[in-house]
Amino acid sequence: MTAALLKLNSLQEQEQSLLQSREKISLELVQPLQEQQEKQREIAAFTETLAKIDISREKVSALLQQFREESAALMLKLEEHKKESSAAAAALMELEEQQRQGRKKLDRYEKRERHFAVEQSRLQTEIAYQLDRFKELFGPEEPLPPEPDFDAAECESLIGTLSEDIEMLGAVNLGAIDELARLQERINFLNEQQDDLRQGESSLHRIIGEIDERMAHFFDEAFTGINSYFQEVFSALFQGGKAYLSLTDPDNMLEAGIEIVAQPPGKRLQNISLLSTGEKSLAAVALIFAILRYKPAPFYLLDEVESSLDDINLTRFTSYLKEASREAQFILITHRRRTMEEADLLYGVTMPEEGVSNIVSLRLDEKVS
C-alpha cells in the first residue's frame, strides 16, 4: 500500500512536471508566432511605405522632368536675351562711336569757324591797313582796277603756293642767329683743340722716333759689348769652343728676338736649344757673366745658378768664379758642396733644437791656416 502511494506521488510529480514543460513549450511556441506576426505587420507597413515612396518618386520625377523642360525653355530665352543684349551693346557702341565722331567733327567745325572769324577779322584789319597805306602813298584816290588780263584764280594759286612755302619754313626762330654764333664759336674752339692735338701727336711721333733711335743706338752698343764678353766668358768656362749672339731681325732690332749659337769643344756650331742640359745651363751662366762684365757692380748676388750643372761643368764654373772674385764680390746661395769649397766665407743656418735656428759663419782661409 505504501509503495503504491509512493508510486502515485511520483507519477503525480511527473505529471505536474510534464504539465509545466507543456506550458513552457506552449509559451515558447506562442512567442515566435507573435514575433512572426509583428514582423508581418512591419513588412506590411514597409510595403505600404515603399508604395507611397514609389508614388512620391513618380511625382518627383514628373516634377523634375517639368523643371528640366522649363529650365531648357528658360535657357533658350536667356540665349535669345543674350544675343539681343549683345546686339544692343554693339549698336550702343556704334552709336557712341558715331557720337564721338560727330563731336570731333563739331569741334573741328567750331575751330574752323573760330579760325575763319579770326582770319576774317585779320583780313579786314589788313585791308583797312593797306587802304590807309595806299592813301598815304598815293593819296585819297581809289585803287586802280585790275588789268584786263588779270587772272584771279592764278593769283590765288600763287598765294596758296607761297603760303605753303611759308608754312614749310616753320616758326621763325628768333634766337637762331645767337645760336649760330655760339655754335660757330664752339666749332672754332674745337678746331683749335684739334689742331693742338695734331701738333701734339706730331711732336709725340717725333719724340718717339728720337727715343727709338737712341734706344736702337744704346741697344746696338750693349748688344755688341755683351756679345764680345759672351764669347770670352764662354771660351773661359768651356775651356775652348766659341759662341755668339745673333738677332732674328737685324733691321728691326728693338722688336727682334735674340738667338744664342754655341759650339762647345769637340762639337759643331748649333743653337743652344740643341745642347745638353748641363751645357745649356753653363752657356746661360756665361751669358749672365757677360752681362755683369758689361755693367760691372761692386758685388753680385747669385741664387743657385749652378744647381743644374754636372760635376765637370760645376768645376769650370767655380774656377771662373774664383778668378772673377778678384774684381768683385760674389754672394751665392747654394747647396752644392763643390761651390762651398771654393768660397772664402760661409754662412749657414743650423737647428740644434727643434724650433730654434742659429746662424753660423765660417771663414775657410782662417780655418785652413
Protein backbone atom coordinates (compact mmCIF):
# COMPACT_ATOMS: atom_id res chain seq x y z
CA MET A 1 0.00 0.00 0.00
CA THR A 2 2.74 2.35 0.90
CA ALA A 3 4.64 1.52 -2.24
CA ALA A 4 1.59 2.23 -4.28
CA LEU A 5 1.19 5.63 -2.61
CA LEU A 6 4.80 6.48 -3.24
CA LYS A 7 4.47 5.47 -6.85
CA LEU A 8 1.30 7.51 -7.14
CA ASN A 9 3.02 10.54 -5.73
CA SER A 10 5.87 10.01 -8.08
CA LEU A 11 3.53 9.81 -11.04
CA GLN A 12 1.72 12.94 -9.89
CA GLU A 13 5.01 14.79 -9.66
CA GLN A 14 5.97 13.62 -13.15
CA GLU A 15 2.54 14.69 -14.40
CA GLN A 16 2.99 18.08 -12.79
CA SER A 17 6.43 18.38 -14.33
CA LEU A 18 5.13 17.43 -17.74
CA LEU A 19 2.34 20.00 -17.44
CA GLN A 20 4.87 22.69 -16.59
CA SER A 21 7.02 21.60 -19.53
CA ARG A 22 4.00 21.72 -21.83
CA GLU A 23 3.08 25.21 -20.65
CA LYS A 24 6.65 26.32 -21.13
CA ILE A 25 6.77 24.83 -24.62
CA SER A 26 3.41 26.42 -25.41
CA LEU A 27 4.77 29.77 -24.32
CA GLU A 28 7.88 29.25 -26.39
CA LEU A 29 5.69 28.38 -29.40
CA VAL A 30 3.44 31.39 -28.90
CA GLN A 31 6.32 33.91 -28.73
CA PRO A 32 7.73 33.10 -32.23
CA LEU A 33 4.21 33.30 -33.61
CA GLN A 34 3.85 36.74 -32.05
CA GLU A 35 7.21 37.83 -33.38
CA GLN A 36 6.24 36.49 -36.80
CA GLN A 37 3.00 38.41 -36.72
CA GLU A 38 4.91 41.55 -35.62
CA LYS A 39 7.35 41.10 -38.48
CA GLN A 40 4.49 40.62 -40.92
CA ARG A 41 2.90 43.80 -39.67
CA GLU A 42 6.25 45.63 -40.09
CA ILE A 43 6.63 44.14 -43.59
CA ALA A 44 3.13 45.32 -44.46
CA ALA A 45 3.98 48.75 -43.11
CA PHE A 46 7.22 48.80 -45.07
CA THR A 47 5.39 47.66 -48.21
CA GLU A 48 2.88 50.43 -47.77
CA THR A 49 5.70 52.94 -47.18
CA LEU A 50 7.51 51.70 -50.29
CA ALA A 51 4.36 52.10 -52.30
CA LYS A 52 3.99 55.64 -51.01
CA ILE A 53 7.69 56.28 -51.82
CA ASP A 54 7.20 54.95 -55.35
CA ILE A 55 4.21 57.22 -55.78
CA SER A 56 6.23 60.17 -54.41
CA ARG A 57 9.19 59.29 -56.63
CA GLU A 58 6.98 59.22 -59.68
CA LYS A 59 5.60 62.62 -58.70
CA VAL A 60 9.12 63.95 -58.09
CA SER A 61 10.30 62.52 -61.44
CA ALA A 62 7.39 64.18 -63.16
CA LEU A 63 8.16 67.47 -61.40
CA LEU A 64 11.87 67.10 -62.23
CA GLN A 65 11.05 66.47 -65.87
CA GLN A 66 8.80 69.50 -65.83
CA PHE A 67 11.52 71.58 -64.23
CA ARG A 68 14.03 70.39 -66.82
CA GLU A 69 11.70 71.34 -69.65
CA GLU A 70 11.07 74.73 -68.06
CA SER A 71 14.84 75.17 -67.48
CA ALA A 72 15.57 74.36 -71.14
CA ALA A 73 12.95 76.84 -72.23
CA LEU A 74 14.39 79.45 -69.88
CA MET A 75 17.92 78.75 -71.22
CA LEU A 76 16.67 79.29 -74.77
CA LYS A 77 15.09 82.55 -73.72
CA LEU A 78 18.29 83.51 -71.90
CA GLU A 79 20.37 82.83 -75.02
CA GLU A 80 17.94 84.92 -77.06
CA HIS A 81 18.17 87.71 -74.49
CA LYS A 82 21.98 87.47 -74.54
CA LYS A 83 22.02 87.75 -78.31
CA GLU A 84 19.65 90.69 -78.14
CA SER A 85 21.79 92.24 -75.39
CA SER A 86 24.96 91.75 -77.45
CA ALA A 87 23.32 93.25 -80.49
CA ALA A 88 22.03 96.13 -78.37
CA ALA A 89 25.53 96.62 -76.86
CA ALA A 90 27.11 96.60 -80.32
CA ALA A 91 24.50 99.04 -81.56
CA LEU A 92 25.11 101.20 -78.48
CA MET A 93 28.90 101.14 -79.08
CA GLU A 94 28.34 102.05 -82.71
CA LEU A 95 26.08 104.92 -81.67
CA GLU A 96 28.65 106.07 -79.10
CA GLU A 97 31.39 105.92 -81.77
CA GLN A 98 29.17 107.91 -84.13
CA GLN A 99 28.54 110.36 -81.31
CA ARG A 100 32.31 110.73 -80.71
CA GLN A 101 32.94 111.19 -84.42
CA GLY A 102 30.14 113.75 -84.55
CA ARG A 103 31.62 115.59 -81.58
CA LYS A 104 35.03 115.58 -83.24
CA LYS A 105 33.52 116.95 -86.46
CA LEU A 106 31.59 119.53 -84.47
CA ASP A 107 34.79 120.54 -82.65
CA ARG A 108 36.63 120.81 -85.96
CA TYR A 109 33.82 122.88 -87.43
CA GLU A 110 33.79 125.12 -84.37
CA LYS A 111 37.56 125.53 -84.56
CA ARG A 112 37.35 126.29 -88.28
CA GLU A 113 34.56 128.76 -87.59
CA ARG A 114 36.62 130.50 -84.94
CA HIS A 115 39.64 130.41 -87.23
CA PHE A 116 37.61 131.85 -90.08
CA ALA A 117 36.24 134.55 -87.78
CA VAL A 118 39.75 135.44 -86.63
CA GLU A 119 41.05 135.28 -90.20
CA GLN A 120 38.15 137.47 -91.38
CA SER A 121 38.92 139.98 -88.69
CA ARG A 122 42.59 139.87 -89.57
CA LEU A 123 41.89 140.31 -93.27
CA GLN A 124 39.54 143.18 -92.59
CA THR A 125 42.21 144.80 -90.45
CA GLU A 126 44.83 144.07 -93.14
CA ILE A 127 42.58 145.55 -95.84
CA ALA A 128 41.97 148.65 -93.76
CA TYR A 129 45.70 148.95 -93.10
CA GLN A 130 46.54 148.51 -96.77
CA LEU A 131 43.95 151.11 -97.74
CA ASP A 132 45.42 153.52 -95.23
CA ARG A 133 48.92 152.78 -96.57
CA PHE A 134 47.66 153.26 -100.13
CA LYS A 135 46.11 156.58 -99.23
CA GLU A 136 49.33 157.65 -97.51
CA LEU A 137 51.43 156.68 -100.52
CA PHE A 138 49.12 157.55 -103.41
CA GLY A 139 46.63 159.96 -101.91
CA PRO A 140 42.91 159.58 -101.35
CA GLU A 141 42.29 158.27 -104.85
CA GLU A 142 40.61 154.94 -105.30
CA PRO A 143 42.86 151.99 -106.22
CA LEU A 144 43.17 151.24 -109.87
CA PRO A 145 41.02 148.45 -111.24
CA PRO A 146 42.83 145.23 -112.17
CA GLU A 147 44.19 144.86 -115.64
CA PRO A 148 42.08 143.10 -118.29
CA ASP A 149 44.34 140.04 -118.36
CA PHE A 150 44.35 139.72 -114.53
CA ASP A 151 43.64 136.09 -113.55
CA ALA A 152 42.22 135.92 -110.05
CA ALA A 153 42.44 132.07 -109.93
CA GLU A 154 46.13 132.13 -110.88
CA CYS A 155 46.76 134.81 -108.26
CA GLU A 156 45.02 132.76 -105.61
CA SER A 157 47.02 129.66 -106.62
CA LEU A 158 50.25 131.64 -106.36
CA ILE A 159 49.19 132.97 -102.96
CA GLY A 160 48.42 129.40 -101.82
CA THR A 161 51.80 128.15 -103.04
CA LEU A 162 53.62 130.94 -101.24
CA SER A 163 51.61 130.27 -98.08
CA GLU A 164 52.57 126.58 -98.20
CA ASP A 165 56.24 127.52 -98.64
CA ILE A 166 55.98 129.81 -95.62
CA GLU A 167 54.36 127.04 -93.56
CA MET A 168 57.11 124.58 -94.57
CA LEU A 169 59.68 127.02 -93.27
CA GLY A 170 58.06 126.66 -89.85
CA ALA A 171 58.05 129.11 -87.00
CA VAL A 172 60.68 131.82 -87.05
CA ASN A 173 63.42 131.09 -84.51
CA LEU A 174 64.42 134.49 -83.22
CA GLY A 175 67.41 133.04 -81.38
CA ALA A 176 68.83 131.27 -84.44
CA ILE A 177 71.42 134.00 -85.06
CA ASP A 178 72.69 133.84 -81.48
CA GLU A 179 72.66 130.05 -81.63
CA LEU A 180 74.63 130.14 -84.89
CA ALA A 181 77.21 132.44 -83.34
CA ARG A 182 77.51 130.19 -80.29
CA LEU A 183 77.89 127.09 -82.43
CA GLN A 184 80.43 128.80 -84.66
CA GLU A 185 82.42 129.79 -81.58
CA ARG A 186 82.24 126.18 -80.36
CA ILE A 187 83.38 124.90 -83.76
CA ASN A 188 86.31 127.32 -83.78
CA PHE A 189 87.28 126.18 -80.27
CA LEU A 190 87.11 122.50 -81.26
CA ASN A 191 89.14 123.19 -84.41
CA GLU A 192 91.81 124.85 -82.28
CA GLN A 193 91.80 121.86 -79.93
CA GLN A 194 92.04 119.50 -82.91
CA ASP A 195 95.00 121.47 -84.29
CA ASP A 196 96.68 121.33 -80.86
CA LEU A 197 96.11 117.58 -80.67
CA ARG A 198 97.53 117.08 -84.14
CA GLN A 199 100.55 119.16 -83.27
CA GLY A 200 100.93 117.17 -80.04
CA GLU A 201 100.60 113.93 -81.97
CA SER A 202 103.27 115.03 -84.43
CA SER A 203 105.51 116.08 -81.55
CA LEU A 204 104.98 112.73 -79.81
CA HIS A 205 105.75 110.82 -83.00
CA ARG A 206 108.91 112.88 -83.42
CA ILE A 207 109.94 112.27 -79.77
CA ILE A 208 109.14 108.55 -80.07
CA GLY A 209 111.24 108.40 -83.22
CA GLU A 210 114.14 110.08 -81.43
CA ILE A 211 113.75 107.73 -78.45
CA ASP A 212 113.66 104.72 -80.76
CA GLU A 213 116.83 105.92 -82.47
CA ARG A 214 118.60 106.41 -79.14
CA MET A 215 117.30 103.08 -77.85
CA ALA A 216 118.45 101.36 -81.02
CA HIS A 217 121.87 103.00 -80.65
CA PHE A 218 122.22 102.02 -76.98
CA PHE A 219 120.87 98.55 -77.65
CA ASP A 220 123.30 98.03 -80.51
CA GLU A 221 126.14 99.23 -78.33
CA ALA A 222 125.12 96.99 -75.41
CA PHE A 223 124.42 94.03 -77.70
CA THR A 224 127.84 94.34 -79.32
CA GLY A 225 129.61 94.63 -75.94
CA ILE A 226 127.70 91.76 -74.33
CA ASN A 227 128.26 89.59 -77.41
CA SER A 228 132.01 90.22 -77.19
CA TYR A 229 132.12 89.42 -73.46
CA PHE A 230 129.90 86.38 -74.00
CA GLN A 231 132.42 84.91 -76.46
CA GLU A 232 135.23 85.43 -73.96
CA VAL A 233 133.34 84.05 -70.96
CA PHE A 234 132.01 81.09 -72.94
CA SER A 235 135.54 80.12 -74.04
CA ALA A 236 136.79 80.52 -70.47
CA LEU A 237 134.02 78.38 -68.93
CA PHE A 238 134.09 75.66 -71.58
CA GLN A 239 137.90 75.87 -71.88
CA GLY A 240 137.55 76.37 -75.59
CA GLY A 241 134.83 76.48 -78.17
CA LYS A 242 133.02 79.57 -79.36
CA ALA A 243 129.62 81.19 -79.10
CA TYR A 244 127.90 84.37 -80.16
CA LEU A 245 124.55 86.19 -80.04
CA SER A 246 122.51 86.99 -83.14
CA LEU A 247 119.31 88.93 -83.85
CA THR A 248 116.39 87.27 -85.63
CA ASP A 249 115.64 90.55 -87.45
CA PRO A 250 118.69 92.85 -87.61
CA ASP A 251 116.71 95.55 -89.44
CA ASN A 252 114.27 95.85 -86.51
CA MET A 253 116.49 95.25 -83.54
CA LEU A 254 114.10 96.77 -80.95
CA GLU A 255 111.49 94.09 -81.64
CA ALA A 256 113.73 91.27 -82.82
CA GLY A 257 114.46 88.13 -80.85
CA ILE A 258 117.91 87.02 -79.70
CA GLU A 259 119.34 83.64 -80.56
CA ILE A 260 122.31 82.01 -78.82
CA VAL A 261 124.56 79.97 -81.08
CA ALA A 262 127.22 77.91 -79.31
CA GLN A 263 129.95 75.40 -80.19
CA PRO A 264 131.41 73.61 -77.18
CA PRO A 265 134.80 71.94 -77.72
CA GLY A 266 134.52 68.92 -79.94
CA LYS A 267 131.01 69.74 -81.23
CA ARG A 268 129.64 71.57 -84.22
CA LEU A 269 128.15 75.06 -84.15
CA GLN A 270 124.43 74.88 -83.27
CA ASN A 271 121.59 76.58 -81.48
CA ILE A 272 121.72 76.44 -77.70
CA SER A 273 118.42 74.52 -77.62
CA LEU A 274 120.24 71.51 -79.15
CA LEU A 275 122.86 71.32 -76.37
CA SER A 276 122.66 69.06 -73.34
CA THR A 277 121.10 70.28 -70.11
CA GLY A 278 124.43 70.91 -68.42
CA GLU A 279 125.83 72.70 -71.48
CA LYS A 280 122.74 74.88 -71.77
CA SER A 281 122.98 75.78 -68.07
CA LEU A 282 126.68 76.66 -68.36
CA ALA A 283 126.01 78.70 -71.51
CA ALA A 284 123.29 80.60 -69.64
CA VAL A 285 125.76 81.25 -66.80
CA ALA A 286 128.26 82.53 -69.38
CA LEU A 287 125.64 84.97 -70.69
CA ILE A 288 124.93 86.17 -67.14
CA PHE A 289 128.60 86.81 -66.51
CA ALA A 290 128.91 88.59 -69.86
CA ILE A 291 126.06 90.94 -68.90
CA LEU A 292 127.69 91.51 -65.48
CA ARG A 293 131.02 92.32 -67.10
CA TYR A 294 129.33 94.84 -69.42
CA LYS A 295 127.72 96.61 -66.45
CA PRO A 296 130.03 95.80 -63.54
CA ALA A 297 128.95 96.27 -59.92
CA PRO A 298 130.76 96.08 -56.56
CA PHE A 299 129.09 92.79 -55.65
CA TYR A 300 126.68 90.25 -57.14
CA LEU A 301 124.04 88.01 -55.62
CA LEU A 302 123.55 84.67 -57.37
CA ASP A 303 120.78 82.29 -56.30
CA GLU A 304 121.60 78.65 -57.12
CA VAL A 305 122.68 79.42 -60.68
CA GLU A 306 124.79 76.25 -60.73
CA SER A 307 122.12 73.90 -59.35
CA SER A 308 121.64 72.07 -62.68
CA LEU A 309 125.35 71.78 -63.60
CA ASP A 310 127.09 68.43 -63.62
CA ASP A 311 130.37 67.92 -61.77
CA ILE A 312 132.62 68.79 -64.73
CA ASN A 313 130.78 71.99 -65.59
CA LEU A 314 130.47 72.85 -61.88
CA THR A 315 134.26 72.69 -61.58
CA ARG A 316 134.60 75.04 -64.56
CA PHE A 317 132.04 77.38 -63.02
CA THR A 318 133.74 77.56 -59.63
CA SER A 319 137.14 78.10 -61.24
CA TYR A 320 135.87 81.01 -63.29
CA LEU A 321 134.01 82.41 -60.26
CA LYS A 322 137.20 82.26 -58.21
CA GLU A 323 139.01 84.19 -60.94
CA ALA A 324 136.21 86.75 -61.25
CA SER A 325 136.10 87.33 -57.49
CA ARG A 326 139.36 89.30 -57.78
CA GLU A 327 137.41 92.16 -59.39
CA ALA A 328 134.09 91.95 -57.49
CA GLN A 329 132.47 90.23 -54.57
CA PHE A 330 130.03 87.37 -55.15
CA ILE A 331 127.32 86.25 -52.77
CA LEU A 332 126.00 82.81 -53.68
CA ILE A 333 123.03 80.93 -52.35
CA THR A 334 123.86 77.29 -52.97
CA HIS A 335 123.54 73.71 -51.76
CA ARG A 336 126.46 72.34 -53.82
CA ARG A 337 129.48 71.21 -51.77
CA ARG A 338 131.93 71.94 -54.58
CA THR A 339 130.82 75.57 -54.67
CA MET A 340 131.12 75.87 -50.88
CA GLU A 341 134.68 74.50 -51.01
CA GLU A 342 135.76 77.41 -53.23
CA ALA A 343 134.14 80.07 -51.00
CA ASP A 344 136.12 82.32 -48.67
CA LEU A 345 133.31 82.74 -46.13
CA LEU A 346 130.29 80.54 -45.41
CA TYR A 347 127.06 81.42 -43.69
CA GLY A 348 124.64 78.69 -42.73
CA VAL A 349 121.58 78.07 -40.63
CA THR A 350 121.51 75.22 -38.11
CA MET A 351 118.79 73.93 -35.82
CA PRO A 352 120.37 72.48 -32.65
CA GLU A 353 116.95 72.16 -31.09
CA GLU A 354 113.55 71.82 -32.68
CA GLY A 355 112.10 75.26 -33.41
CA VAL A 356 115.38 77.06 -32.64
CA SER A 357 117.61 78.29 -35.51
CA ASN A 358 121.14 79.60 -35.29
CA ILE A 359 123.25 81.36 -37.91
CA VAL A 360 126.78 80.02 -38.21
CA SER A 361 129.61 81.69 -40.11
CA LEU A 362 132.92 80.16 -41.12
CA ARG A 363 135.91 81.76 -42.82
CA LEU A 364 137.64 78.98 -44.71
CA ASP A 365 141.05 80.60 -45.16
CA GLU A 366 141.41 81.10 -41.40
CA LYS A 367 140.23 77.56 -40.77
CA VAL A 368 142.82 76.18 -43.14
CA SER A 369 145.59 78.26 -41.62
